[in-house]
């Protein structure tokens, strides 16, 4: 048991370090307008931005799929499918 504790600590430390260079290559250089995260409401109000982001997220679910924009675009897509654009916007503006 005493031998496993340092091994576990070392593995935890290595996992926390991660390869930051690999993360940058998967996101590529974002355009200034995409640098900040859009909300679900912003995606619903701007169909062009939603379509562009959602297409990128579906094309690269392993790389971009867990990003904030992809998660928000996913929720916007669900609301569009369930409620339609107008009702989805109204439900979020309450």
PDB file of N, CA and C in Angstrom:
ATOM      1  N   UNK A   1       0.825  -1.190   0.000  1.00  0.00           N
ATOM      2  CA  UNK A   1       0.000   0.000   0.000  1.00  0.00           C
ATOM      3  C   UNK A   1       0.872   1.257   0.000  1.00  0.00           C
ATOM      4  N   UNK A   2       1.947   1.255   0.767  1.00  0.00           N
ATOM      5  CA  UNK A   2       2.824   2.420   0.842  1.00  0.00           C
ATOM      6  C   UNK A   2       3.553   2.642  -0.489  1.00  0.00           C
ATOM      7  N   UNK A   3       3.730   1.599  -1.260  1.00  0.00           N
ATOM      8  CA  UNK A   3       4.416   1.717  -2.549  1.00  0.00           C
ATOM      9  C   UNK A   3       3.481   2.325  -3.604  1.00  0.00           C
ATOM     10  N   UNK A   4       2.202   2.107  -3.461  1.00  0.00           N
ATOM     11  CA  UNK A   4       1.249   2.600  -4.446  1.00  0.00           C
ATOM     12  C   UNK A   4       0.987   4.099  -4.313  1.00  0.00           C
ATOM     13  N   UNK A   5       1.113   4.639  -3.117  1.00  0.00           N
ATOM     14  CA  UNK A   5       0.823   6.052  -2.901  1.00  0.00           C
ATOM     15  C   UNK A   5       1.725   6.972  -3.728  1.00  0.00           C
ATOM     16  N   UNK A   6       3.060   6.796  -3.727  1.00  0.00           N
ATOM     17  CA  UNK A   6       3.898   7.655  -4.572  1.00  0.00           C
ATOM     18  C   UNK A   6       3.617   7.452  -6.072  1.00  0.00           C
ATOM     19  N   UNK A   7       3.332   6.224  -6.465  1.00  0.00           N
ATOM     20  CA  UNK A   7       3.022   5.948  -7.866  1.00  0.00           C
ATOM     21  C   UNK A   7       1.738   6.663  -8.272  1.00  0.00           C
ATOM     22  N   UNK A   8       0.722   6.576  -7.423  1.00  0.00           N
ATOM     23  CA  UNK A   8      -0.540   7.248  -7.702  1.00  0.00           C
ATOM     24  C   UNK A   8      -0.348   8.762  -7.765  1.00  0.00           C
ATOM     25  N   UNK A   9       0.426   9.314  -6.843  1.00  0.00           N
ATOM     26  CA  UNK A   9       0.704  10.753  -6.828  1.00  0.00           C
ATOM     27  C   UNK A   9       1.415  11.201  -8.093  1.00  0.00           C
ATOM     28  N   UNK A  10       2.377  10.394  -8.551  1.00  0.00           N
ATOM     29  CA  UNK A  10       3.109  10.724  -9.780  1.00  0.00           C
ATOM     30  C   UNK A  10       2.187  10.709 -10.992  1.00  0.00           C
ATOM     31  N   UNK A  11       1.330   9.710 -11.070  1.00  0.00           N
ATOM     32  CA  UNK A  11       0.392   9.623 -12.190  1.00  0.00           C
ATOM     33  C   UNK A  11      -0.590  10.785 -12.183  1.00  0.00           C
ATOM     34  N   UNK A  12      -1.031  11.162 -11.001  1.00  0.00           N
ATOM     35  CA  UNK A  12      -1.947  12.293 -10.882  1.00  0.00           C
ATOM     36  C   UNK A  12      -1.272  13.585 -11.337  1.00  0.00           C
ATOM     37  N   UNK A  13      -0.018  13.763 -10.955  1.00  0.00           N
ATOM     38  CA  UNK A  13       0.732  14.947 -11.359  1.00  0.00           C
ATOM     39  C   UNK A  13       0.927  14.985 -12.876  1.00  0.00           C
ATOM     40  N   UNK A  14       1.268  13.861 -13.469  1.00  0.00           N
ATOM     41  CA  UNK A  14       1.442  13.806 -14.927  1.00  0.00           C
ATOM     42  C   UNK A  14       0.131  14.076 -15.663  1.00  0.00           C
ATOM     43  N   UNK A  15      -0.955  13.561 -15.139  1.00  0.00           N
ATOM     44  CA  UNK A  15      -2.251  13.782 -15.783  1.00  0.00           C
ATOM     45  C   UNK A  15      -2.646  15.256 -15.727  1.00  0.00           C
ATOM     46  N   UNK A  16      -2.277  15.939 -14.641  1.00  0.00           N
ATOM     47  CA  UNK A  16      -2.623  17.352 -14.505  1.00  0.00           C
ATOM     48  C   UNK A  16      -1.822  18.229 -15.452  1.00  0.00           C
ATOM     49  N   UNK A  17      -0.609  17.806 -15.789  1.00  0.00           N
ATOM     50  CA  UNK A  17       0.241  18.613 -16.674  1.00  0.00           C
ATOM     51  C   UNK A  17      -0.342  18.685 -18.073  1.00  0.00           C
ATOM     52  N   UNK A  18      -0.665  17.557 -18.661  1.00  0.00           N
ATOM     53  CA  UNK A  18      -1.263  17.523 -19.996  1.00  0.00           C
ATOM     54  C   UNK A  18      -0.357  18.116 -21.059  1.00  0.00           C
ATOM     55  N   UNK A  19      -0.736  17.913 -22.306  1.00  0.00           N
ATOM     56  CA  UNK A  19       0.015  18.433 -23.438  1.00  0.00           C
ATOM     57  C   UNK A  19      -0.741  19.619 -23.996  1.00  0.00           C
ATOM     58  N   UNK A  20      -0.356  20.811 -23.598  1.00  0.00           N
ATOM     59  CA  UNK A  20      -1.052  22.021 -24.034  1.00  0.00           C
ATOM     60  C   UNK A  20      -0.818  22.306 -25.515  1.00  0.00           C
ATOM     61  N   UNK A  21       0.283  21.893 -26.065  1.00  0.00           N
ATOM     62  CA  UNK A  21       0.548  22.120 -27.489  1.00  0.00           C
ATOM     63  C   UNK A  21      -0.457  21.365 -28.346  1.00  0.00           C
ATOM     64  N   UNK A  22      -0.855  20.167 -27.908  1.00  0.00           N
ATOM     65  CA  UNK A  22      -1.840  19.388 -28.650  1.00  0.00           C
ATOM     66  C   UNK A  22      -3.205  20.044 -28.636  1.00  0.00           C
ATOM     67  N   UNK A  23      -3.539  20.718 -27.539  1.00  0.00           N
ATOM     68  CA  UNK A  23      -4.835  21.390 -27.448  1.00  0.00           C
ATOM     69  C   UNK A  23      -4.922  22.535 -28.435  1.00  0.00           C
ATOM     70  N   UNK A  24      -3.828  23.283 -28.630  1.00  0.00           N
ATOM     71  CA  UNK A  24      -3.850  24.430 -29.532  1.00  0.00           C
ATOM     72  C   UNK A  24      -4.012  24.005 -30.980  1.00  0.00           C
ATOM     73  N   UNK A  25      -3.424  22.884 -31.344  1.00  0.00           N
ATOM     74  CA  UNK A  25      -3.512  22.457 -32.737  1.00  0.00           C
ATOM     75  C   UNK A  25      -4.919  22.006 -33.097  1.00  0.00           C
ATOM     76  N   UNK A  26      -5.663  21.475 -32.126  1.00  0.00           N
ATOM     77  CA  UNK A  26      -7.004  21.006 -32.450  1.00  0.00           C
ATOM     78  C   UNK A  26      -8.000  22.160 -32.580  1.00  0.00           C
ATOM     79  N   UNK A  27      -7.765  23.262 -31.865  1.00  0.00           N
ATOM     80  CA  UNK A  27      -8.696  24.380 -31.957  1.00  0.00           C
ATOM     81  C   UNK A  27      -8.349  25.328 -33.091  1.00  0.00           C
ATOM     82  N   UNK A  28      -7.125  25.264 -33.575  1.00  0.00           N
ATOM     83  CA  UNK A  28      -6.632  26.160 -34.614  1.00  0.00           C
ATOM     84  C   UNK A  28      -6.792  27.597 -34.157  1.00  0.00           C
ATOM     85  N   UNK A  29      -6.452  28.541 -34.966  1.00  0.00           N
ATOM     86  CA  UNK A  29      -6.528  29.932 -34.524  1.00  0.00           C
ATOM     87  C   UNK A  29      -7.944  30.454 -34.713  1.00  0.00           C
ATOM     88  N   UNK A  30      -8.645  30.755 -33.610  1.00  0.00           N
ATOM     89  CA  UNK A  30     -10.022  31.227 -33.730  1.00  0.00           C
ATOM     90  C   UNK A  30     -10.068  32.649 -34.274  1.00  0.00           C
ATOM     91  N   UNK A  31     -11.127  32.941 -34.992  1.00  0.00           N
ATOM     92  CA  UNK A  31     -11.301  34.299 -35.480  1.00  0.00           C
ATOM     93  C   UNK A  31     -11.703  35.182 -34.310  1.00  0.00           C
ATOM     94  N   UNK A  32     -11.444  36.472 -34.354  1.00  0.00           N
ATOM     95  CA  UNK A  32     -11.772  37.348 -33.232  1.00  0.00           C
ATOM     96  C   UNK A  32     -13.228  37.278 -32.802  1.00  0.00           C
ATOM     97  N   UNK A  33     -14.153  37.107 -33.753  1.00  0.00           N
ATOM     98  CA  UNK A  33     -15.565  37.069 -33.377  1.00  0.00           C
ATOM     99  C   UNK A  33     -15.926  35.769 -32.660  1.00  0.00           C
ATOM    100  N   UNK A  34     -15.149  34.700 -32.877  1.00  0.00           N
ATOM    101  CA  UNK A  34     -15.421  33.434 -32.218  1.00  0.00           C
ATOM    102  C   UNK A  34     -14.574  33.250 -30.968  1.00  0.00           C
ATOM    103  N   UNK A  35     -13.789  34.242 -30.587  1.00  0.00           N
ATOM    104  CA  UNK A  35     -12.899  34.118 -29.446  1.00  0.00           C
ATOM    105  C   UNK A  35     -13.687  33.988 -28.143  1.00  0.00           C
ATOM    106  N   UNK A  36     -14.817  34.638 -28.033  1.00  0.00           N
ATOM    107  CA  UNK A  36     -15.605  34.522 -26.808  1.00  0.00           C
ATOM    108  C   UNK A  36     -16.716  33.497 -27.027  1.00  0.00           C
ATOM    109  N   UNK A  37     -17.164  32.924 -25.946  1.00  0.00           N
ATOM    110  CA  UNK A  37     -18.204  31.904 -26.016  1.00  0.00           C
ATOM    111  C   UNK A  37     -19.569  32.548 -26.214  1.00  0.00           C
ATOM    112  N   UNK A  38     -20.325  32.006 -27.134  1.00  0.00           N
ATOM    113  CA  UNK A  38     -21.691  32.489 -27.376  1.00  0.00           C
ATOM    114  C   UNK A  38     -22.661  31.713 -26.505  1.00  0.00           C
ATOM    115  N   UNK A  39     -23.720  32.366 -26.113  1.00  0.00           N
ATOM    116  CA  UNK A  39     -24.747  31.710 -25.304  1.00  0.00           C
ATOM    117  C   UNK A  39     -25.754  31.004 -26.206  1.00  0.00           C
ATOM    118  N   UNK A  40     -26.604  30.196 -25.603  1.00  0.00           N
ATOM    119  CA  UNK A  40     -27.652  29.505 -26.347  1.00  0.00           C
ATOM    120  C   UNK A  40     -28.572  30.534 -27.010  1.00  0.00           C
ATOM    121  N   UNK A  41     -28.919  31.578 -26.272  1.00  0.00           N
ATOM    122  CA  UNK A  41     -29.793  32.623 -26.810  1.00  0.00           C
ATOM    123  C   UNK A  41     -29.146  33.319 -28.007  1.00  0.00           C
ATOM    124  N   UNK A  42     -27.852  33.595 -27.926  1.00  0.00           N
ATOM    125  CA  UNK A  42     -27.166  34.234 -29.057  1.00  0.00           C
ATOM    126  C   UNK A  42     -27.191  33.345 -30.292  1.00  0.00           C
ATOM    127  N   UNK A  43     -27.037  32.050 -30.106  1.00  0.00           N
ATOM    128  CA  UNK A  43     -27.118  31.134 -31.251  1.00  0.00           C
ATOM    129  C   UNK A  43     -28.516  31.120 -31.846  1.00  0.00           C
ATOM    130  N   UNK A  44     -29.523  31.173 -31.002  1.00  0.00           N
ATOM    131  CA  UNK A  44     -30.897  31.167 -31.504  1.00  0.00           C
ATOM    132  C   UNK A  44     -31.219  32.450 -32.258  1.00  0.00           C
ATOM    133  N   UNK A  45     -30.661  33.565 -31.819  1.00  0.00           N
ATOM    134  CA  UNK A  45     -30.939  34.850 -32.462  1.00  0.00           C
ATOM    135  C   UNK A  45     -30.092  35.090 -33.703  1.00  0.00           C
ATOM    136  N   UNK A  46     -29.010  34.341 -33.872  1.00  0.00           N
ATOM    137  CA  UNK A  46     -28.117  34.511 -35.023  1.00  0.00           C
ATOM    138  C   UNK A  46     -27.971  33.175 -35.758  1.00  0.00           C
ATOM    139  N   UNK A  47     -28.915  32.862 -36.654  1.00  0.00           N
ATOM    140  CA  UNK A  47     -28.901  31.567 -37.339  1.00  0.00           C
ATOM    141  C   UNK A  47     -27.616  31.286 -38.119  1.00  0.00           C
ATOM    142  N   UNK A  48     -27.009  32.314 -38.700  1.00  0.00           N
ATOM    143  CA  UNK A  48     -25.780  32.102 -39.478  1.00  0.00           C
ATOM    144  C   UNK A  48     -24.648  31.615 -38.569  1.00  0.00           C
ATOM    145  N   UNK A  49     -24.467  32.271 -37.417  1.00  0.00           N
ATOM    146  CA  UNK A  49     -23.420  31.853 -36.475  1.00  0.00           C
ATOM    147  C   UNK A  49     -23.705  30.449 -35.951  1.00  0.00           C
ATOM    148  N   UNK A  50     -24.982  30.167 -35.693  1.00  0.00           N
ATOM    149  CA  UNK A  50     -25.353  28.830 -35.227  1.00  0.00           C
ATOM    150  C   UNK A  50     -25.011  27.776 -36.267  1.00  0.00           C
ATOM    151  N   UNK A  51     -25.420  28.004 -37.512  1.00  0.00           N
ATOM    152  CA  UNK A  51     -25.168  27.028 -38.574  1.00  0.00           C
ATOM    153  C   UNK A  51     -23.675  26.766 -38.755  1.00  0.00           C
ATOM    154  N   UNK A  52     -22.862  27.820 -38.763  1.00  0.00           N
ATOM    155  CA  UNK A  52     -21.410  27.654 -38.931  1.00  0.00           C
ATOM    156  C   UNK A  52     -20.801  26.871 -37.774  1.00  0.00           C
ATOM    157  N   UNK A  53     -21.158  27.256 -36.556  1.00  0.00           N
ATOM    158  CA  UNK A  53     -20.587  26.600 -35.373  1.00  0.00           C
ATOM    159  C   UNK A  53     -21.056  25.160 -35.275  1.00  0.00           C
ATOM    160  N   UNK A  54     -22.334  24.933 -35.489  1.00  0.00           N
ATOM    161  CA  UNK A  54     -22.879  23.584 -35.363  1.00  0.00           C
ATOM    162  C   UNK A  54     -22.280  22.654 -36.413  1.00  0.00           C
ATOM    163  N   UNK A  55     -22.027  23.152 -37.617  1.00  0.00           N
ATOM    164  CA  UNK A  55     -21.397  22.337 -38.658  1.00  0.00           C
ATOM    165  C   UNK A  55     -19.980  21.939 -38.245  1.00  0.00           C
ATOM    166  N   UNK A  56     -19.215  22.882 -37.685  1.00  0.00           N
ATOM    167  CA  UNK A  56     -17.848  22.578 -37.225  1.00  0.00           C
ATOM    168  C   UNK A  56     -17.870  21.567 -36.089  1.00  0.00           C
ATOM    169  N   UNK A  57     -18.795  21.722 -35.175  1.00  0.00           N
ATOM    170  CA  UNK A  57     -18.873  20.831 -34.015  1.00  0.00           C
ATOM    171  C   UNK A  57     -19.254  19.413 -34.423  1.00  0.00           C
ATOM    172  N   UNK A  58     -20.178  19.288 -35.351  1.00  0.00           N
ATOM    173  CA  UNK A  58     -20.574  17.956 -35.821  1.00  0.00           C
ATOM    174  C   UNK A  58     -19.467  17.300 -36.616  1.00  0.00           C
ATOM    175  N   UNK A  59     -18.658  18.095 -37.315  1.00  0.00           N
ATOM    176  CA  UNK A  59     -17.578  17.557 -38.124  1.00  0.00           C
ATOM    177  C   UNK A  59     -16.406  17.077 -37.273  1.00  0.00           C
ATOM    178  N   UNK A  60     -16.203  17.655 -36.082  1.00  0.00           N
ATOM    179  CA  UNK A  60     -15.080  17.292 -35.223  1.00  0.00           C
ATOM    180  C   UNK A  60     -15.540  17.107 -33.775  1.00  0.00           C
ATOM    181  N   UNK A  61     -16.385  16.099 -33.512  1.00  0.00           N
ATOM    182  CA  UNK A  61     -16.904  15.936 -32.151  1.00  0.00           C
ATOM    183  C   UNK A  61     -15.822  15.551 -31.145  1.00  0.00           C
ATOM    184  N   UNK A  62     -14.782  14.908 -31.584  1.00  0.00           N
ATOM    185  CA  UNK A  62     -13.704  14.526 -30.672  1.00  0.00           C
ATOM    186  C   UNK A  62     -12.819  15.684 -30.280  1.00  0.00           C
ATOM    187  N   UNK A  63     -12.630  16.644 -31.176  1.00  0.00           N
ATOM    188  CA  UNK A  63     -11.765  17.779 -30.894  1.00  0.00           C
ATOM    189  C   UNK A  63     -12.514  18.984 -30.374  1.00  0.00           C
ATOM    190  N   UNK A  64     -13.566  19.370 -31.063  1.00  0.00           N
ATOM    191  CA  UNK A  64     -14.313  20.573 -30.694  1.00  0.00           C
ATOM    192  C   UNK A  64     -15.573  20.288 -29.898  1.00  0.00           C
ATOM    193  N   UNK A  65     -16.018  19.057 -29.906  1.00  0.00           N
ATOM    194  CA  UNK A  65     -17.310  18.709 -29.339  1.00  0.00           C
ATOM    195  C   UNK A  65     -17.536  19.097 -27.894  1.00  0.00           C
ATOM    196  N   UNK A  66     -16.478  19.177 -27.099  1.00  0.00           N
ATOM    197  CA  UNK A  66     -16.627  19.501 -25.683  1.00  0.00           C
ATOM    198  C   UNK A  66     -16.379  20.978 -25.382  1.00  0.00           C
ATOM    199  N   UNK A  67     -16.125  21.772 -26.417  1.00  0.00           N
ATOM    200  CA  UNK A  67     -15.896  23.201 -26.203  1.00  0.00           C
ATOM    201  C   UNK A  67     -17.208  23.881 -25.794  1.00  0.00           C
ATOM    202  N   UNK A  68     -17.085  25.026 -25.162  1.00  0.00           N
ATOM    203  CA  UNK A  68     -18.282  25.751 -24.684  1.00  0.00           C
ATOM    204  C   UNK A  68     -19.215  26.102 -25.827  1.00  0.00           C
ATOM    205  N   UNK A  69     -18.662  26.561 -26.942  1.00  0.00           N
ATOM    206  CA  UNK A  69     -19.512  26.919 -28.079  1.00  0.00           C
ATOM    207  C   UNK A  69     -20.269  25.708 -28.614  1.00  0.00           C
ATOM    208  N   UNK A  70     -19.604  24.559 -28.678  1.00  0.00           N
ATOM    209  CA  UNK A  70     -20.278  23.361 -29.192  1.00  0.00           C
ATOM    210  C   UNK A  70     -21.370  22.885 -28.249  1.00  0.00           C
ATOM    211  N   UNK A  71     -21.112  22.946 -26.958  1.00  0.00           N
ATOM    212  CA  UNK A  71     -22.128  22.553 -25.986  1.00  0.00           C
ATOM    213  C   UNK A  71     -23.333  23.488 -26.094  1.00  0.00           C
ATOM    214  N   UNK A  72     -23.078  24.795 -26.164  1.00  0.00           N
ATOM    215  CA  UNK A  72     -24.174  25.760 -26.274  1.00  0.00           C
ATOM    216  C   UNK A  72     -24.919  25.615 -27.594  1.00  0.00           C
ATOM    217  N   UNK A  73     -24.194  25.364 -28.676  1.00  0.00           N
ATOM    218  CA  UNK A  73     -24.849  25.152 -29.971  1.00  0.00           C
ATOM    219  C   UNK A  73     -25.698  23.885 -29.930  1.00  0.00           C
ATOM    220  N   UNK A  74     -25.236  22.868 -29.219  1.00  0.00           N
ATOM    221  CA  UNK A  74     -26.009  21.635 -29.070  1.00  0.00           C
ATOM    222  C   UNK A  74     -27.324  21.875 -28.344  1.00  0.00           C
ATOM    223  N   UNK A  75     -27.254  22.662 -27.259  1.00  0.00           N
ATOM    224  CA  UNK A  75     -28.483  23.001 -26.539  1.00  0.00           C
ATOM    225  C   UNK A  75     -29.402  23.850 -27.407  1.00  0.00           C
ATOM    226  N   UNK A  76     -28.834  24.775 -28.174  1.00  0.00           N
ATOM    227  CA  UNK A  76     -29.651  25.588 -29.080  1.00  0.00           C
ATOM    228  C   UNK A  76     -30.333  24.695 -30.116  1.00  0.00           C
ATOM    229  N   UNK A  77     -29.610  23.720 -30.624  1.00  0.00           N
ATOM    230  CA  UNK A  77     -30.176  22.794 -31.607  1.00  0.00           C
ATOM    231  C   UNK A  77     -31.338  22.002 -31.000  1.00  0.00           C
ATOM    232  N   UNK A  78     -31.172  21.536 -29.767  1.00  0.00           N
ATOM    233  CA  UNK A  78     -32.252  20.801 -29.106  1.00  0.00           C
ATOM    234  C   UNK A  78     -33.496  21.681 -28.948  1.00  0.00           C
ATOM    235  N   UNK A  79     -33.301  22.924 -28.536  1.00  0.00           N
ATOM    236  CA  UNK A  79     -34.425  23.836 -28.347  1.00  0.00           C
ATOM    237  C   UNK A  79     -35.106  24.144 -29.685  1.00  0.00           C
ATOM    238  N   UNK A  80     -34.296  24.294 -30.742  1.00  0.00           N
ATOM    239  CA  UNK A  80     -34.873  24.528 -32.070  1.00  0.00           C
ATOM    240  C   UNK A  80     -35.747  23.359 -32.495  1.00  0.00           C
ATOM    241  N   UNK A  81     -35.263  22.154 -32.247  1.00  0.00           N
ATOM    242  CA  UNK A  81     -36.009  20.961 -32.661  1.00  0.00           C
ATOM    243  C   UNK A  81     -37.299  20.800 -31.857  1.00  0.00           C
ATOM    244  N   UNK A  82     -37.251  21.127 -30.563  1.00  0.00           N
ATOM    245  CA  UNK A  82     -38.424  20.923 -29.704  1.00  0.00           C
ATOM    246  C   UNK A  82     -39.444  22.047 -29.825  1.00  0.00           C
ATOM    247  N   UNK A  83     -38.949  23.296 -29.877  1.00  0.00           N
ATOM    248  CA  UNK A  83     -39.856  24.435 -29.767  1.00  0.00           C
ATOM    249  C   UNK A  83     -39.955  25.307 -31.012  1.00  0.00           C
ATOM    250  N   UNK A  84     -38.981  25.248 -31.881  1.00  0.00           N
ATOM    251  CA  UNK A  84     -38.912  26.196 -32.980  1.00  0.00           C
ATOM    252  C   UNK A  84     -38.186  27.448 -32.519  1.00  0.00           C
ATOM    253  N   UNK A  85     -37.723  28.247 -33.449  1.00  0.00           N
ATOM    254  CA  UNK A  85     -36.880  29.394 -33.113  1.00  0.00           C
ATOM    255  C   UNK A  85     -37.579  30.424 -32.224  1.00  0.00           C
ATOM    256  N   UNK A  86     -38.761  30.854 -32.602  1.00  0.00           N
ATOM    257  CA  UNK A  86     -39.446  31.921 -31.865  1.00  0.00           C
ATOM    258  C   UNK A  86     -39.784  31.509 -30.428  1.00  0.00           C
ATOM    259  N   UNK A  87     -40.352  30.332 -30.264  1.00  0.00           N
ATOM    260  CA  UNK A  87     -40.706  29.870 -28.908  1.00  0.00           C
ATOM    261  C   UNK A  87     -39.469  29.620 -28.066  1.00  0.00           C
ATOM    262  N   UNK A  88     -38.393  29.133 -28.685  1.00  0.00           N
ATOM    263  CA  UNK A  88     -37.152  28.884 -27.941  1.00  0.00           C
ATOM    264  C   UNK A  88     -36.561  30.197 -27.437  1.00  0.00           C
ATOM    265  N   UNK A  89     -36.582  31.220 -28.281  1.00  0.00           N
ATOM    266  CA  UNK A  89     -36.070  32.536 -27.873  1.00  0.00           C
ATOM    267  C   UNK A  89     -36.917  33.100 -26.744  1.00  0.00           C
ATOM    268  N   UNK A  90     -38.244  33.022 -26.881  1.00  0.00           N
ATOM    269  CA  UNK A  90     -39.134  33.529 -25.833  1.00  0.00           C
ATOM    270  C   UNK A  90     -38.909  32.817 -24.516  1.00  0.00           C
ATOM    271  N   UNK A  91     -38.690  31.501 -24.573  1.00  0.00           N
ATOM    272  CA  UNK A  91     -38.516  30.745 -23.337  1.00  0.00           C
ATOM    273  C   UNK A  91     -37.228  31.126 -22.606  1.00  0.00           C
ATOM    274  N   UNK A  92     -36.216  31.561 -23.334  1.00  0.00           N
ATOM    275  CA  UNK A  92     -34.952  31.946 -22.695  1.00  0.00           C
ATOM    276  C   UNK A  92     -34.932  33.393 -22.239  1.00  0.00           C
ATOM    277  N   UNK A  93     -35.814  34.206 -22.787  1.00  0.00           N
ATOM    278  CA  UNK A  93     -35.834  35.630 -22.413  1.00  0.00           C
ATOM    279  C   UNK A  93     -36.702  35.902 -21.194  1.00  0.00           C
ATOM    280  N   UNK A  94     -37.351  34.922 -20.674  1.00  0.00           N
ATOM    281  CA  UNK A  94     -38.221  35.119 -19.495  1.00  0.00           C
ATOM    282  C   UNK A  94     -37.440  35.546 -18.304  1.00  0.00           C
TER     283      UNK A  94
END
